[in-house]
Protein backbone atom coordinates (compact mmCIF):
# COMPACT_ATOMS: atom_id res chain seq x y z
CA UNK A 1 35.69 -30.29 21.37
CA UNK A 2 36.43 -31.77 17.98
CA UNK A 3 32.75 -30.99 16.93
CA UNK A 4 33.27 -27.31 18.00
CA UNK A 5 36.71 -27.11 16.05
CA UNK A 6 35.09 -28.55 12.83
CA UNK A 7 32.19 -26.10 13.21
CA UNK A 8 34.62 -23.21 13.73
CA UNK A 9 36.62 -24.24 10.63
CA UNK A 10 33.62 -24.30 8.44
CA UNK A 11 32.44 -20.86 9.87
CA UNK A 12 35.68 -19.45 8.88
CA UNK A 13 35.62 -20.89 5.41
CA UNK A 14 32.15 -19.69 4.89
CA UNK A 15 32.93 -16.20 6.26
CA UNK A 16 35.82 -16.03 3.60
CA UNK A 17 33.43 -16.73 0.92
CA UNK A 18 31.15 -14.01 2.31
CA UNK A 19 33.82 -11.43 2.27
CA UNK A 20 34.94 -12.35 -1.10
CA UNK A 21 33.09 -14.07 -3.98
CA UNK A 22 29.41 -14.19 -2.46
CA UNK A 23 27.54 -11.01 -3.18
CA UNK A 24 24.61 -9.83 -1.35
CA UNK A 25 21.28 -11.56 -2.28
CA UNK A 26 23.33 -14.57 -3.78
CA UNK A 27 21.97 -17.98 -2.99
CA UNK A 28 24.34 -20.27 -1.17
CA UNK A 29 25.23 -23.77 -2.18
CA UNK A 30 23.05 -26.30 -0.42
CA UNK A 31 24.15 -27.77 2.93
CA UNK A 32 24.82 -31.02 1.15
CA UNK A 33 27.08 -29.32 -1.44
CA UNK A 34 28.99 -27.39 1.25
CA UNK A 35 29.44 -30.56 3.21
CA UNK A 36 31.19 -32.38 0.28
CA UNK A 37 33.18 -29.09 -0.54
CA UNK A 38 34.53 -28.84 3.00
CA UNK A 39 34.78 -32.57 3.73
CA UNK A 40 32.45 -32.49 6.75
CA UNK A 41 29.00 -33.62 7.67
CA UNK A 42 25.92 -31.76 6.71
CA UNK A 43 25.26 -31.41 10.65
CA UNK A 44 28.48 -29.33 10.83
CA UNK A 45 27.70 -27.18 8.09
CA UNK A 46 24.06 -26.55 9.43
CA UNK A 47 25.62 -25.55 12.76
CA UNK A 48 28.04 -23.05 11.21
CA UNK A 49 25.26 -21.59 9.04
CA UNK A 50 23.06 -21.17 12.00
CA UNK A 51 25.67 -19.13 13.53
CA UNK A 52 25.85 -16.88 10.59
CA UNK A 53 22.02 -16.62 10.42
CA UNK A 54 22.00 -15.57 14.01
CA UNK A 55 24.60 -12.71 13.25
CA UNK A 56 22.48 -11.61 10.39
CA UNK A 57 25.16 -12.20 7.87
CA UNK A 58 22.95 -14.65 6.08
CA UNK A 59 19.21 -15.36 6.02
CA UNK A 60 16.97 -18.49 5.22
CA UNK A 61 13.90 -18.49 3.01
CA UNK A 62 11.80 -21.71 3.79
CA UNK A 63 11.64 -23.84 0.70
CA UNK A 64 14.00 -21.60 -1.31
CA UNK A 65 17.40 -21.77 0.47
CA UNK A 66 19.92 -19.50 2.26
CA UNK A 67 20.94 -16.15 0.88
CA UNK A 68 23.66 -13.52 1.52
CA UNK A 69 22.52 -10.43 3.53
CA UNK A 70 23.44 -6.93 2.72
CA UNK A 71 26.37 -5.33 4.44
CA UNK A 72 25.00 -2.91 7.01
CA UNK A 73 27.29 -0.12 5.52
CA UNK A 74 25.74 -0.55 2.04
CA UNK A 75 22.56 0.94 2.96
CA UNK A 76 22.36 3.70 5.70
CA UNK A 77 19.05 4.11 7.09
CA UNK A 78 17.46 7.29 6.10
CA UNK A 79 16.35 10.15 8.54
CA UNK A 80 12.93 9.38 9.78
CA UNK A 81 10.70 12.24 10.43
CA UNK A 82 8.86 12.54 13.70
CA UNK A 83 5.47 14.14 14.32
CA UNK A 84 4.93 14.42 18.03
CA UNK A 85 1.17 14.48 17.75
CA UNK A 86 1.25 11.26 15.53
CA UNK A 87 4.32 9.38 15.86
CA UNK A 88 6.57 8.41 12.98
CA UNK A 89 5.48 10.00 9.61
CA UNK A 90 4.84 7.19 7.08
CA UNK A 91 6.70 7.37 3.77
CA UNK A 92 5.01 4.51 2.06
CA UNK A 93 6.20 2.64 -0.89
CA UNK A 94 3.22 0.93 -2.81
CA UNK A 95 4.60 -1.95 -4.90
CA UNK A 96 2.05 -3.37 -7.53
CA UNK A 97 2.22 -5.49 -10.62
CA UNK A 98 -1.46 -5.31 -11.25
CA UNK A 99 -1.01 -3.48 -14.55
CA UNK A 100 0.41 -6.68 -16.08
CA UNK A 101 -1.27 -9.12 -18.20
CA UNK A 102 -2.62 -11.37 -15.39
CA UNK A 103 -5.85 -13.25 -16.10
CA UNK A 104 -6.43 -13.99 -12.53
CA UNK A 105 -8.56 -10.96 -12.48
CA UNK A 106 -10.36 -9.33 -15.34
CA UNK A 107 -8.82 -6.31 -16.83
CA UNK A 108 -11.69 -3.99 -15.57
CA UNK A 109 -11.56 -5.63 -11.98
CA UNK A 110 -7.69 -5.16 -11.84
CA UNK A 111 -7.83 -1.58 -12.97
CA UNK A 112 -10.69 -0.75 -10.52
CA UNK A 113 -9.00 -2.55 -7.56
CA UNK A 114 -5.74 -0.87 -8.21
CA UNK A 115 -7.20 2.62 -8.63
CA UNK A 116 -9.51 2.56 -5.68
CA UNK A 117 -7.07 0.71 -3.45
CA UNK A 118 -4.07 2.95 -4.10
CA UNK A 119 -6.17 6.10 -4.14
CA UNK A 120 -7.35 5.44 -0.62
CA UNK A 121 -3.92 4.30 0.53
CA UNK A 122 -2.68 7.81 -0.66
CA UNK A 123 -5.47 9.50 1.03
CA UNK A 124 -4.89 7.74 4.29
CA UNK A 125 -1.04 8.24 4.33
CA UNK A 126 -1.52 12.02 3.36
CA UNK A 127 -3.90 12.42 6.34
CA UNK A 128 -1.30 11.07 8.55
CA UNK A 129 1.32 13.84 7.28
CA UNK A 130 3.08 11.41 5.12
CA UNK A 131 3.61 10.67 1.30
CA UNK A 132 3.18 7.75 -0.98
CA UNK A 133 5.48 6.48 -3.82
CA UNK A 134 3.89 4.02 -6.21
CA UNK A 135 6.08 1.52 -8.06
CA UNK A 136 4.75 -0.38 -10.95
CA UNK A 137 6.57 -3.67 -11.50
CA UNK A 138 5.04 -4.98 -14.84
CA UNK A 139 6.70 -7.83 -16.51
CA UNK A 140 9.75 -7.93 -14.37
CA UNK A 141 11.85 -11.02 -13.31
CA UNK A 142 12.18 -11.77 -9.69
CA UNK A 143 15.62 -10.41 -9.73
CA UNK A 144 14.52 -7.08 -11.33
CA UNK A 145 11.61 -6.69 -8.84
CA UNK A 146 14.20 -7.24 -6.05
CA UNK A 147 16.57 -4.43 -7.65
CA UNK A 148 13.55 -1.93 -8.18
CA UNK A 149 12.05 -2.54 -4.57
CA UNK A 150 15.62 -2.04 -3.14
CA UNK A 151 15.96 1.30 -4.83
CA UNK A 152 12.60 2.27 -3.56
CA UNK A 153 13.46 1.37 -0.02
CA UNK A 154 16.77 3.09 -0.23
CA UNK A 155 15.29 6.35 -1.24
CA UNK A 156 13.76 6.77 2.19
CA UNK A 157 10.56 4.75 2.36
CA UNK A 158 10.03 3.36 5.76
CA UNK A 159 7.07 1.01 5.12
CA UNK A 160 5.90 -1.14 2.22
CA UNK A 161 2.40 -2.10 0.89
CA UNK A 162 2.49 -4.76 -1.73
CA UNK A 163 -0.57 -5.07 -4.15
CA UNK A 164 0.06 -8.42 -5.55
CA UNK A 165 -1.35 -10.89 -8.05
CA UNK A 166 -3.65 -13.58 -7.28
CA UNK A 167 -2.01 -16.41 -8.87
CA UNK A 168 0.04 -18.76 -6.75
CA UNK A 169 3.33 -18.78 -8.66
CA UNK A 170 3.18 -15.05 -9.40
CA UNK A 171 2.46 -14.21 -5.72
CA UNK A 172 5.53 -16.24 -4.73
CA UNK A 173 7.56 -14.72 -7.41
CA UNK A 174 6.66 -11.04 -6.19
CA UNK A 175 7.00 -11.91 -2.39
CA UNK A 176 10.51 -13.46 -2.86
CA UNK A 177 11.60 -10.46 -4.79
CA UNK A 178 10.38 -8.21 -2.15
CA UNK A 179 11.83 -10.17 0.42
CA UNK A 180 15.12 -10.27 -1.02
CA UNK A 181 15.14 -6.41 -1.45
CA UNK A 182 14.36 -5.66 2.10
CA UNK A 183 16.93 -8.18 3.27
CA UNK A 184 19.68 -6.52 1.03
CA UNK A 185 19.01 -3.06 2.47
CA UNK A 186 20.07 -4.16 5.91
CA UNK A 187 17.44 -2.56 7.94
CA UNK A 188 13.89 -3.64 9.18
CA UNK A 189 11.21 -2.21 7.32
CA UNK A 190 7.42 -3.26 7.85
CA UNK A 191 5.83 -4.82 4.91
CA UNK A 192 2.00 -5.45 4.53
CA UNK A 193 0.85 -7.79 1.69
CA UNK A 194 -2.56 -6.70 0.28
CA UNK A 195 -3.83 -9.64 -1.40
CA UNK A 196 -7.43 -10.48 -2.55
CA UNK A 197 -6.95 -14.25 -1.77
CA UNK A 198 -5.66 -16.62 0.83
CA UNK A 199 -2.46 -15.46 2.70
CA UNK A 200 0.65 -16.48 1.04
CA UNK A 201 3.25 -18.27 3.41
CA UNK A 202 5.69 -15.37 3.77
CA UNK A 203 6.72 -13.31 6.87
CA UNK A 204 4.57 -10.32 5.98
CA UNK A 205 1.67 -8.81 7.62
CA UNK A 206 -1.39 -9.28 5.42
CA UNK A 207 -4.86 -7.80 4.67
CA UNK A 208 -7.10 -9.82 2.43
CA UNK A 209 -10.77 -10.50 1.56
CA UNK A 210 -12.24 -13.41 3.23
CA UNK A 211 -13.31 -15.06 0.03
CA UNK A 212 -14.13 -18.28 1.73
CA UNK A 213 -16.77 -16.39 3.80
CA UNK A 214 -17.97 -14.53 0.67
CA UNK A 215 -18.69 -17.67 -1.17
CA UNK A 216 -20.22 -19.16 1.90
CA UNK A 217 -22.67 -16.28 2.12
CA UNK A 218 -23.63 -16.65 -1.44
CA UNK A 219 -24.44 -20.32 -1.07
CA UNK A 220 -26.34 -19.86 2.09
CA UNK A 221 -28.47 -17.15 0.23
CA UNK A 222 -29.49 -19.80 -2.35
CA UNK A 223 -30.16 -22.36 0.37
CA UNK A 224 -32.37 -19.70 2.35
CA UNK A 225 -34.25 -19.34 -0.86
CA UNK A 226 -35.02 -23.09 -0.83
CA UNK A 227 -32.37 -24.55 -3.26
CA UNK A 228 -30.97 -27.86 -2.55
CA UNK A 229 -29.06 -28.79 -5.66
CA UNK A 230 -26.40 -26.27 -6.25
CA UNK A 231 -23.55 -26.47 -8.64
CA UNK A 232 -20.12 -24.37 -8.53
CA UNK A 233 -18.74 -23.15 -11.79
CA UNK A 234 -15.02 -22.63 -11.71
CA UNK A 235 -12.03 -21.82 -14.03
CA UNK A 236 -9.79 -24.58 -15.11
CA UNK A 237 -6.51 -22.96 -14.11
CA UNK A 238 -5.48 -23.24 -10.40
CA UNK A 239 -6.10 -19.79 -8.71
CA UNK A 240 -5.82 -19.02 -4.90
CA UNK A 241 -9.01 -16.97 -4.86
CA UNK A 242 -10.95 -19.98 -6.55
CA UNK A 243 -9.61 -22.49 -4.09
CA UNK A 244 -10.74 -20.31 -1.24
CA UNK A 245 -14.30 -19.86 -2.75
CA UNK A 246 -14.55 -23.69 -3.52
CA UNK A 247 -13.93 -24.19 0.21
CA UNK A 248 -16.59 -21.89 1.10
CA UNK A 249 -18.96 -23.67 -1.11
CA UNK A 250 -18.53 -26.96 0.31
CA UNK A 251 -18.63 -25.61 4.01
CA UNK A 252 -22.08 -23.88 3.33
CA UNK A 253 -23.53 -27.16 1.87
CA UNK A 254 -22.16 -29.16 4.89
CA UNK A 255 -23.28 -26.59 7.45
CA UNK A 256 -26.77 -26.80 6.16
CA UNK A 257 -26.57 -30.76 5.99
CA UNK A 258 -26.63 -30.83 2.19
CA UNK A 259 -24.41 -33.31 0.28
CA UNK A 260 -21.56 -31.78 -1.85
CA UNK A 261 -18.72 -33.40 -3.58
CA UNK A 262 -16.28 -32.62 -6.38
CA UNK A 263 -19.01 -33.81 -8.90
CA UNK A 264 -20.76 -30.33 -8.20
CA UNK A 265 -17.77 -28.35 -9.37
CA UNK A 266 -17.89 -27.64 -13.07
CA UNK A 267 -14.63 -26.51 -14.33
CA UNK A 268 -14.09 -24.78 -17.56
CA UNK A 269 -11.44 -26.02 -20.25
CA UNK A 270 -7.89 -25.31 -18.83
CA UNK A 271 -7.03 -22.55 -21.40
CA UNK A 272 -4.09 -20.52 -21.80
CA UNK A 273 -4.13 -17.25 -19.65
CA UNK A 274 -2.49 -15.40 -22.36
CA UNK A 275 -5.19 -15.47 -24.85
CA UNK A 276 -7.47 -12.40 -25.48
CA UNK A 277 -10.93 -12.18 -23.85
CA UNK A 278 -9.64 -14.91 -21.40
CA UNK A 279 -12.69 -14.60 -19.01
CA UNK A 280 -15.58 -14.53 -21.47
CA UNK A 281 -14.17 -17.60 -23.04
CA UNK A 282 -13.61 -19.43 -19.76
CA UNK A 283 -17.14 -18.31 -18.51
CA UNK A 284 -18.75 -19.68 -21.76
CA UNK A 285 -16.69 -22.94 -21.42
CA UNK A 286 -17.98 -23.58 -17.87
CA UNK A 287 -21.53 -22.48 -18.76
CA UNK A 288 -21.71 -24.85 -21.85
CA UNK A 289 -20.32 -27.80 -19.75
CA UNK A 290 -22.83 -27.12 -17.07
CA UNK A 291 -25.90 -26.60 -19.17
CA UNK A 292 -25.13 -29.68 -21.20
CA UNK A 293 -25.47 -31.78 -18.08
CA UNK A 294 -27.58 -29.72 -15.71
CA UNK A 295 -29.76 -32.40 -14.38
CA UNK A 296 -31.61 -31.38 -11.41
CA UNK A 297 -29.64 -28.31 -10.29
CA UNK A 298 -31.69 -25.27 -9.79
CA UNK A 299 -28.82 -22.97 -8.84
CA UNK A 300 -25.22 -22.14 -9.75
CA UNK A 301 -22.60 -20.28 -7.71
CA UNK A 302 -20.00 -18.82 -10.29
CA UNK A 303 -16.52 -18.07 -9.12
CA UNK A 304 -16.52 -14.72 -10.52
CA UNK A 305 -18.97 -12.30 -12.40
CA UNK A 306 -17.55 -13.10 -15.85
CA UNK A 307 -18.58 -16.77 -15.39
CA UNK A 308 -21.86 -15.74 -14.06
CA UNK A 309 -22.82 -13.30 -16.74
CA UNK A 310 -21.81 -15.93 -19.43
CA UNK A 311 -23.86 -18.50 -17.81
CA UNK A 312 -26.95 -16.21 -17.62
CA UNK A 313 -26.39 -15.47 -21.49
CA UNK A 314 -26.18 -19.16 -22.52
CA UNK A 315 -28.94 -20.25 -20.34
CA UNK A 316 -31.34 -17.88 -22.18
CA UNK A 317 -30.09 -18.84 -25.43
CA UNK A 318 -31.17 -22.35 -24.36
CA UNK A 319 -34.64 -21.23 -23.22
CA UNK A 320 -33.74 -21.47 -19.57
CA UNK A 321 -35.23 -18.73 -17.43
CA UNK A 322 -32.94 -16.96 -14.94
CA UNK A 323 -34.09 -16.95 -12.18
CA UNK A 324 -37.39 -18.78 -13.06
CA UNK A 325 -35.53 -22.09 -13.73
CA UNK A 326 -32.05 -21.41 -12.60
CA UNK A 327 -30.70 -18.90 -9.96
CA UNK A 328 -27.20 -17.62 -10.57
CA UNK A 329 -24.66 -15.87 -8.34
CA UNK A 330 -21.32 -14.29 -9.11
CA UNK A 331 -18.41 -12.81 -7.26
CA UNK A 332 -16.69 -9.41 -7.45
CA UNK A 333 -19.78 -7.10 -8.14
CA UNK A 334 -18.31 -5.86 -11.28
CA UNK A 335 -19.91 -3.27 -13.56
CA UNK A 336 -20.92 -6.44 -15.81
CA UNK A 337 -22.84 -7.80 -12.96
CA UNK A 338 -24.68 -4.77 -12.17
CA UNK A 339 -25.63 -4.46 -15.92
CA UNK A 340 -26.88 -8.07 -15.99
CA UNK A 341 -28.76 -8.06 -12.67
CA UNK A 342 -26.46 -10.62 -11.29
CA UNK A 343 -26.45 -11.36 -7.52
CA UNK A 344 -22.74 -11.03 -6.65
CA UNK A 345 -20.44 -10.88 -3.73
CA UNK A 346 -19.19 -7.27 -3.43
CA UNK A 347 -15.50 -6.51 -2.75
CA UNK A 348 -15.21 -3.02 -1.21
CA UNK A 349 -11.84 -1.83 -2.89
CA UNK A 350 -11.93 1.69 -1.16
CA UNK A 351 -12.34 -0.20 2.20
CA UNK A 352 -9.63 -2.68 1.46
CA UNK A 353 -7.10 0.24 0.56
CA UNK A 354 -8.06 2.20 3.66
CA UNK A 355 -7.57 -0.95 5.86
CA UNK A 356 -4.34 -1.83 4.38
CA UNK A 357 -2.84 1.75 4.84
CA UNK A 358 -3.93 1.82 8.43
CA UNK A 359 -2.45 -1.53 9.03
CA UNK A 360 0.82 -0.49 7.44
CA UNK A 361 1.08 2.82 9.57
CA UNK A 362 0.25 0.65 12.67
CA UNK A 363 3.14 -1.72 11.86
CA UNK A 364 5.32 1.30 11.42
CA UNK A 365 4.52 3.11 14.51
CA UNK A 366 4.14 0.05 16.97
CA UNK A 367 6.31 -2.67 15.67
CA UNK A 368 5.88 -6.09 17.29
CA UNK A 369 8.93 -8.30 16.53
CA UNK A 370 7.84 -11.78 15.41
CA UNK A 371 4.14 -11.15 15.59
CA UNK A 372 2.19 -11.09 12.11
CA UNK A 373 -1.27 -10.01 11.70
CA UNK A 374 -3.83 -11.43 9.26
CA UNK A 375 -6.58 -8.96 8.65
CA UNK A 376 -9.57 -10.15 6.79
CA UNK A 377 -12.49 -8.27 5.26
CA UNK A 378 -15.69 -9.97 4.84
CA UNK A 379 -17.31 -9.22 1.42
CA UNK A 380 -21.06 -8.13 1.15
CA UNK A 381 -23.48 -9.94 -0.81
CA UNK A 382 -25.54 -7.80 -3.19
CA UNK A 383 -28.94 -9.50 -4.28
CA UNK A 384 -30.37 -8.70 -7.64
CA UNK A 385 -32.71 -10.25 -10.12
CA UNK A 386 -30.61 -13.39 -10.95
CA UNK A 387 -31.87 -15.24 -7.85
CA UNK A 388 -35.17 -16.45 -6.63
CA UNK A 389 -36.90 -19.53 -5.02
CA UNK A 390 -36.44 -22.68 -7.14
CA UNK A 391 -39.26 -23.65 -9.56
CA UNK A 392 -42.06 -25.74 -8.03
CA UNK A 393 -41.67 -29.53 -8.83
């Protein structure tokens, strides 16, 4: 009984703060800080917070803390249009920050992905009788992202698609801003995270390229040609898509019974991502490091087309024939890859946008509480003139 009384007392004190000086979206003090403030144990505080979470007054973000929810009266749900032949008509908000200076993707690749993906999303939503509102969040803080997304949702949007960045910290930054915004409006809204890399650990449905499988397919192509000594060229910075592709490289080697280790991964200098011409410089750095100590490698898998094209150019400058002496593959199937004849893993941007839009509409019309989906698109390997059997020894 004493435990219940202490919990109730703490609950009341927390409720007074929530009714007064704690604003929607504000982060609460830690359980330890609250325990000291109220003169009780952290267990008692945890029980009181759990009651408030259950009531929807506050919400928890794993690894981030506990936050104040929006009051239901602050954001009335908009009128939802219904088409008897289709179901709920989608009013889709597309949130993207791909226009920002993010070197996780080349400027060309970022522009093409955004254009094709967004265009296809708009086409699919329009075919379903709906409309699309695109919101660019370039250079905004997490709080500013939350404010802008909240305005978007409050304007009548009934589902969200997030076209996010590929960097680990940037992805979390955007996801947290979106999550806070959705929480603050005080009503359920489906969110689909469209991310060309591994799934972020957030409570969203997701659509992504299976970059691990794409990398595995590129390595398997080289193995099928007869290559046994294959290197991997990667950027120096930590990027989710690069990590996935590295895993695919090692898995392909292991499945074929070939040895591979971290020694086979050649990383470029860890350069500032704010510099101009980031990818050509990174690609040349990785290429020079690899060629300086090439040893008996007869093939190289490059983490993107910029690195692959730089390796082809650098190899030719050194008198190394591609593919006569060295086979090279890239990833992304960019315009640069097509011009250079680079065998590359193709990311089908229009298909990605179409799949994402259909997934968002499905989540809107057939919500399944607590069940998240992770849809993966398998990239296609496009074989060109940069790969061939290894030279005879």
